[in-house]
Amino acid sequence: MTHTVHPYSHRLGIIRDWKSRWFGTKTTYKAYLKSDIMIRQFLEKKLRGSFVADIQMERSEKVLHVIIETSRPGMIIGRNGEGSIKLKSDLDIFIAKNKLTTGGELKIDIREVRSPESNSMIVAQMMAEGLEKRLPFRRVGKQMVEKVMANRDVLGVKIEMSGRLGGASMARQEKIKRGRIPLQTLRADVDFTKYEARMPYGAIGIKVWIYKGDIFANAKK
């Protein structure tokens, strides 16, 4: 029997890097890990609908650096940077309330995703937005596959929706695939994500795989 492995963890140390980058000792590791998980959950909930692609964290002795990648940075930053200041103050209050370890100063860096249609998390959020507006699920899936395949750097895409599709009384699965998705090739740059569309009759699960070719050490240099 085969085991299904997450495409991201499968490629850690080969073509992928960790989303939390720091060094922990026996005394600090537990506190740092708990802090990272809770901060990530807080930001995902707070920034839902802002098309956040990724949240990364870097720690040094005196600074906790939170990097938010989004296709709509203007929505988070706000006019004259008011949004980012409020987000930082809300995060400071959350950290103090839950007694989380930052190791010193907190810095938030908001970065723009240049090609949102080739990012699996943003594609999944776009689909969830369409489903929550009660658009037909097949149309949402087909339109999104066409948008993704229109990008030059994308060689394959697979989308899977599961749940009470179209408000049906019985849950089922719907799959759409274009191109190829080589999951066994460790050099293959496969971007994968899971997301939920929250419907009145229950959640619809969305999985997206996007294949962007192979990555080699020579190409990186």
N, C-alpha and C. Protein backbone atom coordinates (compact mmCIF):
# COMPACT_ATOMS: atom_id res chain seq x y z
N MET A 1 0.85 -1.20 0.00
CA MET A 1 0.00 0.00 0.00
C MET A 1 0.89 1.26 0.00
N THR A 2 0.51 2.22 -0.79
CA THR A 2 1.28 3.47 -0.82
C THR A 2 0.78 4.42 0.26
N HIS A 3 1.64 5.36 0.64
CA HIS A 3 1.27 6.38 1.61
C HIS A 3 1.22 7.73 0.90
N THR A 4 0.15 8.48 1.12
CA THR A 4 0.04 9.81 0.52
C THR A 4 0.86 10.78 1.36
N VAL A 5 1.83 11.42 0.74
CA VAL A 5 2.70 12.36 1.45
C VAL A 5 2.41 13.77 0.92
N HIS A 6 2.41 14.74 1.83
CA HIS A 6 2.19 16.14 1.44
C HIS A 6 3.32 16.57 0.49
N PRO A 7 2.99 17.10 -0.70
CA PRO A 7 4.04 17.46 -1.67
C PRO A 7 5.06 18.46 -1.14
N TYR A 8 4.67 19.28 -0.16
CA TYR A 8 5.61 20.27 0.40
C TYR A 8 6.63 19.59 1.30
N SER A 9 6.16 18.80 2.27
CA SER A 9 7.07 18.14 3.22
C SER A 9 7.96 17.12 2.51
N HIS A 10 7.44 16.53 1.44
CA HIS A 10 8.16 15.55 0.64
C HIS A 10 9.43 16.14 0.03
N ARG A 11 9.41 17.47 -0.22
CA ARG A 11 10.51 18.13 -0.93
C ARG A 11 11.35 19.05 -0.04
N LEU A 12 11.11 19.01 1.29
CA LEU A 12 11.88 19.84 2.22
C LEU A 12 13.36 19.48 2.14
N GLY A 13 14.19 20.50 2.02
CA GLY A 13 15.63 20.27 1.94
C GLY A 13 16.11 19.92 0.54
N ILE A 14 15.19 19.71 -0.41
CA ILE A 14 15.57 19.42 -1.80
C ILE A 14 15.31 20.66 -2.66
N ILE A 15 14.04 21.05 -2.76
CA ILE A 15 13.74 22.31 -3.47
C ILE A 15 12.91 23.26 -2.60
N ARG A 16 12.51 22.82 -1.41
CA ARG A 16 11.70 23.65 -0.52
C ARG A 16 12.46 23.99 0.75
N ASP A 17 12.11 25.14 1.36
CA ASP A 17 12.70 25.54 2.63
C ASP A 17 11.60 25.52 3.69
N TRP A 18 11.98 25.53 4.97
CA TRP A 18 11.00 25.53 6.05
C TRP A 18 10.27 26.87 6.11
N LYS A 19 9.00 26.86 6.55
CA LYS A 19 8.23 28.10 6.65
C LYS A 19 8.52 28.84 7.95
N SER A 20 9.10 28.15 8.92
CA SER A 20 9.58 28.80 10.15
C SER A 20 11.07 28.54 10.23
N ARG A 21 11.86 29.62 10.29
CA ARG A 21 13.32 29.46 10.27
C ARG A 21 13.93 30.04 11.54
N TRP A 22 14.35 29.16 12.43
CA TRP A 22 15.02 29.57 13.68
C TRP A 22 15.70 28.36 14.31
N PHE A 23 16.53 28.64 15.32
CA PHE A 23 17.21 27.57 16.04
C PHE A 23 16.72 27.57 17.47
N GLY A 24 16.23 26.41 17.93
CA GLY A 24 15.72 26.31 19.30
C GLY A 24 16.49 25.31 20.13
N THR A 25 16.68 25.64 21.40
CA THR A 25 17.33 24.73 22.35
C THR A 25 16.25 23.92 23.07
N LYS A 26 16.65 23.07 24.00
CA LYS A 26 15.68 22.26 24.76
C LYS A 26 14.69 23.13 25.52
N THR A 27 15.15 24.26 26.00
CA THR A 27 14.29 25.14 26.80
C THR A 27 13.37 26.01 25.94
N THR A 28 13.82 26.40 24.74
CA THR A 28 13.04 27.36 23.93
C THR A 28 12.21 26.72 22.82
N TYR A 29 12.57 25.50 22.39
CA TYR A 29 11.94 24.90 21.21
C TYR A 29 10.42 24.82 21.35
N LYS A 30 9.96 24.31 22.51
CA LYS A 30 8.52 24.12 22.75
C LYS A 30 7.77 25.45 22.67
N ALA A 31 8.33 26.48 23.32
CA ALA A 31 7.68 27.80 23.36
C ALA A 31 7.65 28.44 21.98
N TYR A 32 8.76 28.31 21.22
CA TYR A 32 8.83 28.87 19.87
C TYR A 32 7.81 28.20 18.94
N LEU A 33 7.71 26.88 19.02
CA LEU A 33 6.80 26.12 18.16
C LEU A 33 5.35 26.50 18.43
N LYS A 34 4.98 26.56 19.73
CA LYS A 34 3.62 26.94 20.13
C LYS A 34 3.31 28.36 19.63
N SER A 35 4.28 29.26 19.82
CA SER A 35 4.13 30.65 19.39
C SER A 35 3.90 30.74 17.88
N ASP A 36 4.69 30.01 17.09
CA ASP A 36 4.57 30.03 15.63
C ASP A 36 3.20 29.54 15.18
N ILE A 37 2.74 28.42 15.75
CA ILE A 37 1.45 27.83 15.36
C ILE A 37 0.31 28.79 15.68
N MET A 38 0.31 29.37 16.89
CA MET A 38 -0.79 30.25 17.30
C MET A 38 -0.80 31.57 16.51
N ILE A 39 0.39 32.11 16.23
CA ILE A 39 0.47 33.36 15.43
C ILE A 39 -0.02 33.11 14.02
N ARG A 40 0.37 31.96 13.44
CA ARG A 40 -0.06 31.62 12.07
C ARG A 40 -1.59 31.45 12.01
N GLN A 41 -2.17 30.76 13.01
CA GLN A 41 -3.63 30.57 13.05
C GLN A 41 -4.35 31.90 13.20
N PHE A 42 -3.82 32.79 14.05
CA PHE A 42 -4.42 34.11 14.27
C PHE A 42 -4.42 34.92 12.97
N LEU A 43 -3.28 34.94 12.27
CA LEU A 43 -3.16 35.72 11.03
C LEU A 43 -4.04 35.15 9.92
N GLU A 44 -4.11 33.81 9.82
CA GLU A 44 -4.96 33.19 8.79
C GLU A 44 -6.43 33.56 8.99
N LYS A 45 -6.86 33.59 10.27
CA LYS A 45 -8.25 33.95 10.59
C LYS A 45 -8.49 35.44 10.35
N LYS A 46 -7.54 36.25 10.80
CA LYS A 46 -7.67 37.72 10.70
C LYS A 46 -7.65 38.18 9.24
N LEU A 47 -6.80 37.56 8.41
CA LEU A 47 -6.61 38.02 7.03
C LEU A 47 -7.39 37.18 6.01
N ARG A 48 -8.39 36.44 6.47
CA ARG A 48 -9.22 35.65 5.53
C ARG A 48 -9.92 36.60 4.56
N GLY A 49 -9.81 36.32 3.27
CA GLY A 49 -10.40 37.20 2.25
C GLY A 49 -9.40 38.19 1.68
N SER A 50 -8.18 38.25 2.25
CA SER A 50 -7.15 39.17 1.75
C SER A 50 -6.18 38.49 0.78
N PHE A 51 -6.50 37.24 0.38
CA PHE A 51 -5.70 36.46 -0.58
C PHE A 51 -4.23 36.33 -0.12
N VAL A 52 -4.07 35.82 1.10
CA VAL A 52 -2.73 35.58 1.66
C VAL A 52 -2.22 34.24 1.13
N ALA A 53 -1.06 34.27 0.47
CA ALA A 53 -0.49 33.06 -0.13
C ALA A 53 0.31 32.26 0.88
N ASP A 54 1.06 32.96 1.74
CA ASP A 54 1.96 32.26 2.66
C ASP A 54 2.30 33.16 3.85
N ILE A 55 2.54 32.53 5.00
CA ILE A 55 3.01 33.24 6.19
C ILE A 55 4.28 32.55 6.66
N GLN A 56 5.39 33.28 6.64
CA GLN A 56 6.68 32.71 7.05
C GLN A 56 7.21 33.46 8.27
N MET A 57 8.02 32.76 9.07
CA MET A 57 8.57 33.38 10.28
C MET A 57 10.07 33.13 10.39
N GLU A 58 10.78 34.17 10.77
CA GLU A 58 12.23 34.07 11.01
C GLU A 58 12.52 34.66 12.38
N ARG A 59 13.33 33.97 13.15
CA ARG A 59 13.68 34.44 14.50
C ARG A 59 15.19 34.63 14.62
N SER A 60 15.57 35.72 15.25
CA SER A 60 16.95 35.90 15.69
C SER A 60 16.88 36.09 17.21
N GLU A 61 17.98 36.47 17.84
CA GLU A 61 17.98 36.61 19.31
C GLU A 61 17.03 37.70 19.78
N LYS A 62 16.90 38.77 18.98
CA LYS A 62 16.13 39.92 19.46
C LYS A 62 14.92 40.28 18.59
N VAL A 63 14.73 39.57 17.47
CA VAL A 63 13.65 39.95 16.54
C VAL A 63 12.86 38.73 16.07
N LEU A 64 11.52 38.88 16.04
CA LEU A 64 10.65 37.91 15.37
C LEU A 64 10.14 38.59 14.11
N HIS A 65 10.52 38.05 12.97
CA HIS A 65 10.19 38.65 11.66
C HIS A 65 9.08 37.81 11.01
N VAL A 66 7.90 38.39 10.83
CA VAL A 66 6.77 37.71 10.19
C VAL A 66 6.63 38.23 8.76
N ILE A 67 6.71 37.31 7.79
CA ILE A 67 6.62 37.69 6.36
C ILE A 67 5.27 37.20 5.82
N ILE A 68 4.46 38.13 5.36
CA ILE A 68 3.13 37.80 4.80
C ILE A 68 3.18 38.03 3.29
N GLU A 69 2.94 36.97 2.52
CA GLU A 69 2.92 37.09 1.06
C GLU A 69 1.47 37.11 0.59
N THR A 70 1.11 38.13 -0.17
CA THR A 70 -0.29 38.30 -0.60
C THR A 70 -0.34 38.89 -2.00
N SER A 71 -1.45 38.61 -2.71
CA SER A 71 -1.63 39.20 -4.04
C SER A 71 -2.30 40.57 -3.95
N ARG A 72 -2.81 40.91 -2.75
CA ARG A 72 -3.46 42.22 -2.56
C ARG A 72 -2.84 42.93 -1.35
N PRO A 73 -1.57 43.37 -1.46
CA PRO A 73 -0.92 44.01 -0.31
C PRO A 73 -1.61 45.30 0.15
N GLY A 74 -2.24 46.00 -0.82
CA GLY A 74 -2.93 47.25 -0.49
C GLY A 74 -4.05 47.06 0.51
N MET A 75 -4.72 45.89 0.45
CA MET A 75 -5.83 45.60 1.38
C MET A 75 -5.31 45.48 2.81
N ILE A 76 -4.12 44.92 2.98
CA ILE A 76 -3.56 44.71 4.33
C ILE A 76 -2.87 45.98 4.83
N ILE A 77 -2.09 46.63 3.95
CA ILE A 77 -1.33 47.83 4.36
C ILE A 77 -2.27 49.00 4.66
N GLY A 78 -3.31 49.16 3.82
CA GLY A 78 -4.28 50.24 4.02
C GLY A 78 -3.73 51.60 3.59
N ARG A 79 -4.56 52.62 3.77
CA ARG A 79 -4.16 53.98 3.38
C ARG A 79 -3.10 54.51 4.36
N ASN A 80 -1.99 54.99 3.81
CA ASN A 80 -0.87 55.53 4.60
C ASN A 80 -0.33 54.52 5.63
N GLY A 81 -0.51 53.24 5.36
CA GLY A 81 0.05 52.20 6.24
C GLY A 81 -0.74 51.97 7.51
N GLU A 82 -1.99 52.47 7.57
CA GLU A 82 -2.81 52.33 8.79
C GLU A 82 -3.14 50.86 9.08
N GLY A 83 -3.41 50.10 8.01
CA GLY A 83 -3.78 48.69 8.17
C GLY A 83 -2.67 47.85 8.78
N SER A 84 -1.44 48.07 8.30
CA SER A 84 -0.30 47.29 8.83
C SER A 84 0.01 47.66 10.28
N ILE A 85 -0.18 48.95 10.65
CA ILE A 85 0.04 49.38 12.04
C ILE A 85 -0.99 48.73 12.96
N LYS A 86 -2.27 48.70 12.50
CA LYS A 86 -3.33 48.08 13.31
C LYS A 86 -3.10 46.57 13.44
N LEU A 87 -2.66 45.94 12.34
CA LEU A 87 -2.38 44.50 12.36
C LEU A 87 -1.28 44.18 13.37
N LYS A 88 -0.23 45.01 13.38
CA LYS A 88 0.88 44.81 14.33
C LYS A 88 0.41 44.97 15.76
N SER A 89 -0.42 46.00 16.02
CA SER A 89 -0.90 46.23 17.38
C SER A 89 -1.83 45.09 17.84
N ASP A 90 -2.68 44.59 16.91
CA ASP A 90 -3.57 43.44 17.23
C ASP A 90 -2.75 42.19 17.54
N LEU A 91 -1.68 41.99 16.77
CA LEU A 91 -0.81 40.83 16.98
C LEU A 91 -0.05 40.96 18.30
N ASP A 92 0.39 42.17 18.64
CA ASP A 92 1.06 42.41 19.93
C ASP A 92 0.13 42.09 21.10
N ILE A 93 -1.15 42.51 20.97
CA ILE A 93 -2.15 42.24 22.03
C ILE A 93 -2.39 40.73 22.15
N PHE A 94 -2.51 40.05 21.00
CA PHE A 94 -2.72 38.60 20.98
C PHE A 94 -1.55 37.86 21.64
N ILE A 95 -0.31 38.29 21.33
CA ILE A 95 0.90 37.66 21.89
C ILE A 95 0.95 37.86 23.40
N ALA A 96 0.64 39.09 23.85
CA ALA A 96 0.66 39.39 25.29
C ALA A 96 -0.42 38.62 26.03
N LYS A 97 -1.61 38.54 25.43
CA LYS A 97 -2.76 37.85 26.07
C LYS A 97 -2.47 36.36 26.25
N ASN A 98 -1.85 35.74 25.23
CA ASN A 98 -1.57 34.30 25.28
C ASN A 98 -0.17 33.96 25.81
N LYS A 99 0.56 35.00 26.26
CA LYS A 99 1.91 34.85 26.83
C LYS A 99 2.84 34.05 25.90
N LEU A 100 2.87 34.47 24.63
CA LEU A 100 3.70 33.78 23.64
C LEU A 100 5.11 34.37 23.62
N THR A 101 6.06 33.57 23.16
CA THR A 101 7.47 33.99 23.12
C THR A 101 7.80 34.60 21.77
N THR A 102 8.24 35.85 21.77
CA THR A 102 8.70 36.49 20.53
C THR A 102 10.22 36.62 20.51
N GLY A 103 10.83 36.65 21.69
CA GLY A 103 12.28 36.78 21.77
C GLY A 103 12.75 38.22 21.60
N GLY A 104 11.80 39.16 21.58
CA GLY A 104 12.17 40.57 21.44
C GLY A 104 11.19 41.35 20.58
N GLU A 105 11.71 42.10 19.62
CA GLU A 105 10.88 42.98 18.78
C GLU A 105 10.12 42.18 17.72
N LEU A 106 8.90 42.63 17.41
CA LEU A 106 8.09 42.00 16.36
C LEU A 106 8.10 42.88 15.12
N LYS A 107 8.43 42.29 13.98
CA LYS A 107 8.42 43.04 12.71
C LYS A 107 7.53 42.31 11.72
N ILE A 108 6.70 43.05 11.00
CA ILE A 108 5.82 42.47 9.97
C ILE A 108 6.22 43.01 8.61
N ASP A 109 6.47 42.10 7.68
CA ASP A 109 6.87 42.47 6.32
C ASP A 109 5.80 41.93 5.35
N ILE A 110 5.20 42.82 4.55
CA ILE A 110 4.15 42.40 3.61
C ILE A 110 4.71 42.44 2.20
N ARG A 111 4.68 41.28 1.52
CA ARG A 111 5.25 41.16 0.17
C ARG A 111 4.16 40.80 -0.83
N GLU A 112 4.35 41.30 -2.05
CA GLU A 112 3.37 41.06 -3.12
C GLU A 112 3.71 39.80 -3.90
N VAL A 113 2.68 39.00 -4.20
CA VAL A 113 2.85 37.82 -5.07
C VAL A 113 2.64 38.30 -6.50
N ARG A 114 3.65 38.14 -7.34
CA ARG A 114 3.62 38.69 -8.70
C ARG A 114 2.64 37.94 -9.61
N SER A 115 2.58 36.61 -9.48
CA SER A 115 1.73 35.82 -10.36
C SER A 115 0.71 35.04 -9.53
N PRO A 116 -0.41 35.69 -9.13
CA PRO A 116 -1.37 35.03 -8.23
C PRO A 116 -2.04 33.79 -8.82
N GLU A 117 -2.24 33.76 -10.16
CA GLU A 117 -2.93 32.62 -10.79
C GLU A 117 -2.07 31.35 -10.80
N SER A 118 -0.76 31.48 -10.50
CA SER A 118 0.07 30.28 -10.46
C SER A 118 0.45 29.92 -9.01
N ASN A 119 -0.26 30.52 -8.04
CA ASN A 119 -0.05 30.20 -6.63
C ASN A 119 -1.26 29.40 -6.13
N SER A 120 -1.01 28.20 -5.64
CA SER A 120 -2.11 27.28 -5.30
C SER A 120 -3.02 27.83 -4.20
N MET A 121 -2.46 28.49 -3.18
CA MET A 121 -3.27 29.01 -2.08
C MET A 121 -4.22 30.11 -2.56
N ILE A 122 -3.72 31.01 -3.41
CA ILE A 122 -4.57 32.10 -3.92
C ILE A 122 -5.64 31.54 -4.85
N VAL A 123 -5.28 30.54 -5.67
CA VAL A 123 -6.26 29.89 -6.57
C VAL A 123 -7.37 29.25 -5.74
N ALA A 124 -7.00 28.55 -4.66
CA ALA A 124 -8.00 27.90 -3.78
C ALA A 124 -8.90 28.94 -3.13
N GLN A 125 -8.33 30.08 -2.72
CA GLN A 125 -9.14 31.14 -2.10
C GLN A 125 -10.09 31.78 -3.10
N MET A 126 -9.63 31.94 -4.35
CA MET A 126 -10.50 32.49 -5.41
C MET A 126 -11.69 31.55 -5.66
N MET A 127 -11.40 30.23 -5.67
CA MET A 127 -12.47 29.24 -5.86
C MET A 127 -13.46 29.28 -4.71
N ALA A 128 -12.93 29.37 -3.48
CA ALA A 128 -13.79 29.42 -2.28
C ALA A 128 -14.70 30.65 -2.34
N GLU A 129 -14.14 31.77 -2.80
CA GLU A 129 -14.93 33.01 -2.91
C GLU A 129 -16.07 32.82 -3.91
N GLY A 130 -15.77 32.16 -5.05
CA GLY A 130 -16.80 31.88 -6.07
C GLY A 130 -17.88 30.96 -5.54
N LEU A 131 -17.48 29.91 -4.81
CA LEU A 131 -18.47 28.95 -4.26
C LEU A 131 -19.33 29.60 -3.19
N GLU A 132 -18.71 30.48 -2.37
CA GLU A 132 -19.47 31.18 -1.31
C GLU A 132 -20.47 32.18 -1.89
N LYS A 133 -20.22 32.62 -3.15
CA LYS A 133 -21.17 33.51 -3.83
C LYS A 133 -22.26 32.71 -4.55
N ARG A 134 -22.27 31.40 -4.32
CA ARG A 134 -23.26 30.46 -4.88
C ARG A 134 -23.15 30.30 -6.40
N LEU A 135 -21.94 30.45 -6.95
CA LEU A 135 -21.75 30.18 -8.38
C LEU A 135 -21.68 28.67 -8.59
N PRO A 136 -22.09 28.15 -9.77
CA PRO A 136 -22.03 26.69 -10.01
C PRO A 136 -20.61 26.17 -9.88
N PHE A 137 -20.43 25.08 -9.12
CA PHE A 137 -19.09 24.58 -8.81
C PHE A 137 -18.31 24.13 -10.04
N ARG A 138 -19.00 23.57 -11.05
CA ARG A 138 -18.30 23.11 -12.26
C ARG A 138 -17.74 24.30 -13.03
N ARG A 139 -18.54 25.36 -13.12
CA ARG A 139 -18.08 26.56 -13.83
C ARG A 139 -16.88 27.18 -13.10
N VAL A 140 -16.95 27.23 -11.76
CA VAL A 140 -15.85 27.78 -10.96
C VAL A 140 -14.57 26.99 -11.21
N GLY A 141 -14.67 25.65 -11.19
CA GLY A 141 -13.52 24.78 -11.41
C GLY A 141 -12.92 24.93 -12.80
N LYS A 142 -13.77 24.90 -13.83
CA LYS A 142 -13.29 24.98 -15.22
C LYS A 142 -12.65 26.33 -15.52
N GLN A 143 -13.28 27.42 -15.05
CA GLN A 143 -12.74 28.76 -15.27
C GLN A 143 -11.38 28.92 -14.60
N MET A 144 -11.27 28.36 -13.38
CA MET A 144 -10.01 28.49 -12.64
C MET A 144 -8.89 27.70 -13.30
N VAL A 145 -9.20 26.51 -13.81
CA VAL A 145 -8.20 25.68 -14.51
C VAL A 145 -7.70 26.41 -15.75
N GLU A 146 -8.61 27.04 -16.50
CA GLU A 146 -8.22 27.79 -17.70
C GLU A 146 -7.33 28.99 -17.35
N LYS A 147 -7.68 29.69 -16.25
CA LYS A 147 -6.88 30.85 -15.81
C LYS A 147 -5.47 30.42 -15.42
N VAL A 148 -5.37 29.29 -14.70
CA VAL A 148 -4.07 28.79 -14.24
C VAL A 148 -3.22 28.36 -15.43
N MET A 149 -3.82 27.60 -16.35
CA MET A 149 -3.07 27.08 -17.51
C MET A 149 -2.66 28.20 -18.49
N ALA A 150 -3.27 29.39 -18.36
CA ALA A 150 -2.91 30.53 -19.22
C ALA A 150 -1.53 31.09 -18.87
N ASN A 151 -1.01 30.75 -17.67
CA ASN A 151 0.33 31.21 -17.27
C ASN A 151 1.41 30.39 -17.95
N ARG A 152 2.46 31.06 -18.41
CA ARG A 152 3.55 30.39 -19.14
C ARG A 152 4.30 29.38 -18.27
N ASP A 153 4.49 29.72 -16.98
CA ASP A 153 5.30 28.87 -16.12
C ASP A 153 4.56 27.64 -15.59
N VAL A 154 3.26 27.52 -15.87
CA VAL A 154 2.47 26.38 -15.37
C VAL A 154 2.41 25.27 -16.42
N LEU A 155 2.77 24.05 -16.02
CA LEU A 155 2.75 22.90 -16.93
C LEU A 155 1.62 21.92 -16.63
N GLY A 156 1.01 22.04 -15.47
CA GLY A 156 -0.09 21.14 -15.12
C GLY A 156 -0.84 21.64 -13.91
N VAL A 157 -2.12 21.32 -13.84
CA VAL A 157 -2.95 21.71 -12.68
C VAL A 157 -3.99 20.63 -12.41
N LYS A 158 -4.24 20.40 -11.12
CA LYS A 158 -5.32 19.48 -10.72
C LYS A 158 -6.10 20.14 -9.59
N ILE A 159 -7.42 20.11 -9.71
CA ILE A 159 -8.30 20.70 -8.70
C ILE A 159 -9.29 19.63 -8.23
N GLU A 160 -9.47 19.55 -6.92
CA GLU A 160 -10.40 18.57 -6.35
C GLU A 160 -11.32 19.28 -5.37
N MET A 161 -12.63 19.10 -5.55
CA MET A 161 -13.61 19.66 -4.62
C MET A 161 -14.39 18.52 -4.00
N SER A 162 -14.63 18.60 -2.70
CA SER A 162 -15.41 17.54 -2.05
C SER A 162 -16.32 18.12 -0.98
N GLY A 163 -17.50 17.55 -0.88
CA GLY A 163 -18.50 18.03 0.07
C GLY A 163 -19.87 18.02 -0.57
N ARG A 164 -20.78 18.78 0.00
CA ARG A 164 -22.15 18.84 -0.55
C ARG A 164 -22.16 19.84 -1.72
N LEU A 165 -21.64 19.39 -2.84
CA LEU A 165 -21.51 20.25 -4.02
C LEU A 165 -22.88 20.60 -4.59
N GLY A 166 -23.09 21.90 -4.84
CA GLY A 166 -24.37 22.36 -5.38
C GLY A 166 -25.52 22.21 -4.39
N GLY A 167 -25.20 22.04 -3.11
CA GLY A 167 -26.24 21.90 -2.08
C GLY A 167 -26.89 20.53 -2.05
N ALA A 168 -26.27 19.53 -2.69
CA ALA A 168 -26.84 18.17 -2.72
C ALA A 168 -26.88 17.59 -1.31
N SER A 169 -27.80 16.64 -1.11
CA SER A 169 -27.95 16.05 0.24
C SER A 169 -26.82 15.07 0.55
N MET A 170 -26.18 14.54 -0.50
CA MET A 170 -25.09 13.59 -0.29
C MET A 170 -23.76 14.19 -0.78
N ALA A 171 -22.73 14.05 0.05
CA ALA A 171 -21.41 14.59 -0.31
C ALA A 171 -20.75 13.76 -1.40
N ARG A 172 -19.98 14.42 -2.26
CA ARG A 172 -19.25 13.70 -3.31
C ARG A 172 -18.01 14.48 -3.71
N GLN A 173 -17.24 13.90 -4.62
CA GLN A 173 -15.99 14.51 -5.09
C GLN A 173 -16.06 14.87 -6.56
N GLU A 174 -15.41 15.95 -6.92
CA GLU A 174 -15.32 16.37 -8.33
C GLU A 174 -13.87 16.72 -8.62
N LYS A 175 -13.28 16.14 -9.67
CA LYS A 175 -11.87 16.40 -10.01
C LYS A 175 -11.77 16.98 -11.42
N ILE A 176 -10.86 17.93 -11.58
CA ILE A 176 -10.54 18.49 -12.91
C ILE A 176 -9.02 18.52 -13.03
N LYS A 177 -8.51 18.01 -14.16
CA LYS A 177 -7.06 17.96 -14.34
C LYS A 177 -6.67 18.38 -15.75
N ARG A 178 -5.61 19.17 -15.86
CA ARG A 178 -5.02 19.55 -17.16
C ARG A 178 -3.51 19.42 -17.04
N GLY A 179 -2.87 18.98 -18.09
CA GLY A 179 -1.41 18.83 -18.06
C GLY A 179 -0.99 17.66 -17.19
N ARG A 180 0.22 17.72 -16.61
CA ARG A 180 0.70 16.60 -15.78
C ARG A 180 1.15 17.08 -14.40
N ILE A 181 1.02 16.20 -13.42
CA ILE A 181 1.40 16.49 -12.04
C ILE A 181 2.30 15.35 -11.55
N PRO A 182 3.62 15.43 -11.74
CA PRO A 182 4.51 14.33 -11.32
C PRO A 182 4.81 14.38 -9.82
N LEU A 183 4.01 13.70 -9.00
CA LEU A 183 4.16 13.78 -7.55
C LEU A 183 5.35 12.98 -7.01
N GLN A 184 5.83 11.99 -7.78
CA GLN A 184 6.94 11.16 -7.31
C GLN A 184 8.31 11.80 -7.57
N THR A 185 8.37 12.75 -8.51
CA THR A 185 9.64 13.40 -8.86
C THR A 185 9.94 14.48 -7.84
N LEU A 186 11.03 14.31 -7.06
CA LEU A 186 11.33 15.25 -5.98
C LEU A 186 11.82 16.60 -6.49
N ARG A 187 12.34 16.64 -7.73
CA ARG A 187 12.78 17.91 -8.32
C ARG A 187 11.61 18.69 -8.91
N ALA A 188 10.45 18.06 -9.01
CA ALA A 188 9.27 18.73 -9.60
C ALA A 188 8.76 19.80 -8.63
N ASP A 189 8.58 21.00 -9.15
CA ASP A 189 8.07 22.12 -8.34
C ASP A 189 6.54 22.05 -8.32
N VAL A 190 6.01 21.28 -7.35
CA VAL A 190 4.55 21.11 -7.22
C VAL A 190 4.07 21.95 -6.05
N ASP A 191 3.23 22.92 -6.36
CA ASP A 191 2.65 23.80 -5.33
C ASP A 191 1.29 23.21 -4.96
N PHE A 192 1.11 22.89 -3.67
CA PHE A 192 -0.12 22.22 -3.23
C PHE A 192 -0.73 22.97 -2.05
N THR A 193 -2.06 22.98 -1.99
CA THR A 193 -2.73 23.58 -0.83
C THR A 193 -4.10 22.96 -0.60
N LYS A 194 -4.56 23.07 0.65
CA LYS A 194 -5.92 22.67 1.04
C LYS A 194 -6.63 23.91 1.57
N TYR A 195 -7.90 24.05 1.25
CA TYR A 195 -8.66 25.21 1.73
C TYR A 195 -10.12 24.82 1.88
N GLU A 196 -10.88 25.62 2.63
CA GLU A 196 -12.30 25.32 2.85
C GLU A 196 -13.16 26.49 2.41
N ALA A 197 -14.25 26.18 1.69
CA ALA A 197 -15.27 27.18 1.39
C ALA A 197 -16.38 26.96 2.41
N ARG A 198 -16.72 27.98 3.15
CA ARG A 198 -17.72 27.84 4.23
C ARG A 198 -19.11 28.16 3.69
N MET A 199 -19.89 27.12 3.52
CA MET A 199 -21.24 27.25 2.98
C MET A 199 -22.28 27.13 4.10
N PRO A 200 -23.52 27.61 3.88
CA PRO A 200 -24.54 27.50 4.94
C PRO A 200 -24.85 26.05 5.32
N TYR A 201 -24.68 25.13 4.36
CA TYR A 201 -25.01 23.72 4.62
C TYR A 201 -23.77 22.88 4.93
N GLY A 202 -22.64 23.52 5.21
CA GLY A 202 -21.43 22.79 5.56
C GLY A 202 -20.24 23.24 4.72
N ALA A 203 -19.06 22.74 5.06
CA ALA A 203 -17.84 23.14 4.36
C ALA A 203 -17.62 22.33 3.09
N ILE A 204 -17.05 22.98 2.08
CA ILE A 204 -16.61 22.28 0.87
C ILE A 204 -15.09 22.35 0.83
N GLY A 205 -14.46 21.19 0.80
CA GLY A 205 -12.99 21.13 0.78
C GLY A 205 -12.45 21.34 -0.62
N ILE A 206 -11.39 22.11 -0.72
CA ILE A 206 -10.75 22.39 -2.02
C ILE A 206 -9.27 22.01 -1.92
N LYS A 207 -8.81 21.21 -2.89
CA LYS A 207 -7.38 20.87 -2.99
C LYS A 207 -6.89 21.33 -4.35
N VAL A 208 -5.72 21.94 -4.38
CA VAL A 208 -5.15 22.44 -5.64
C VAL A 208 -3.69 22.01 -5.76
N TRP A 209 -3.35 21.40 -6.89
CA TRP A 209 -1.96 21.07 -7.23
C TRP A 209 -1.58 21.88 -8.48
N ILE A 210 -0.44 22.56 -8.45
CA ILE A 210 0.05 23.30 -9.63
C ILE A 210 1.50 22.90 -9.88
N TYR A 211 1.77 22.40 -11.08
CA TYR A 211 3.13 21.96 -11.45
C TYR A 211 3.79 23.01 -12.33
N LYS A 212 4.99 23.47 -11.91
CA LYS A 212 5.67 24.56 -12.63
C LYS A 212 7.02 24.14 -13.21
N GLY A 213 7.20 22.86 -13.50
CA GLY A 213 8.49 22.40 -14.05
C GLY A 213 9.43 21.92 -12.96
N ASP A 214 10.62 21.51 -13.36
CA ASP A 214 11.61 20.97 -12.42
C ASP A 214 12.63 22.05 -12.02
N ILE A 215 13.12 21.92 -10.78
CA ILE A 215 14.13 22.86 -10.28
C ILE A 215 15.43 22.11 -10.08
N PHE A 216 16.52 22.64 -10.62
CA PHE A 216 17.85 22.04 -10.46
C PHE A 216 18.81 23.06 -9.86
N ALA A 217 19.87 22.57 -9.24
CA ALA A 217 20.85 23.45 -8.57
C ALA A 217 21.47 24.43 -9.55
N ASN A 218 21.76 23.99 -10.78
CA ASN A 218 22.38 24.85 -11.80
C ASN A 218 21.48 26.02 -12.16
N ALA A 219 20.17 25.72 -12.25
CA ALA A 219 19.19 26.77 -12.60
C ALA A 219 19.12 27.81 -11.50
N LYS A 220 19.24 27.35 -10.22
CA LYS A 220 19.19 28.29 -9.10
C LYS A 220 20.36 29.27 -9.17
N LYS A 221 21.58 28.72 -9.47
CA LYS A 221 22.77 29.57 -9.53
C LYS A 221 22.67 30.61 -10.63
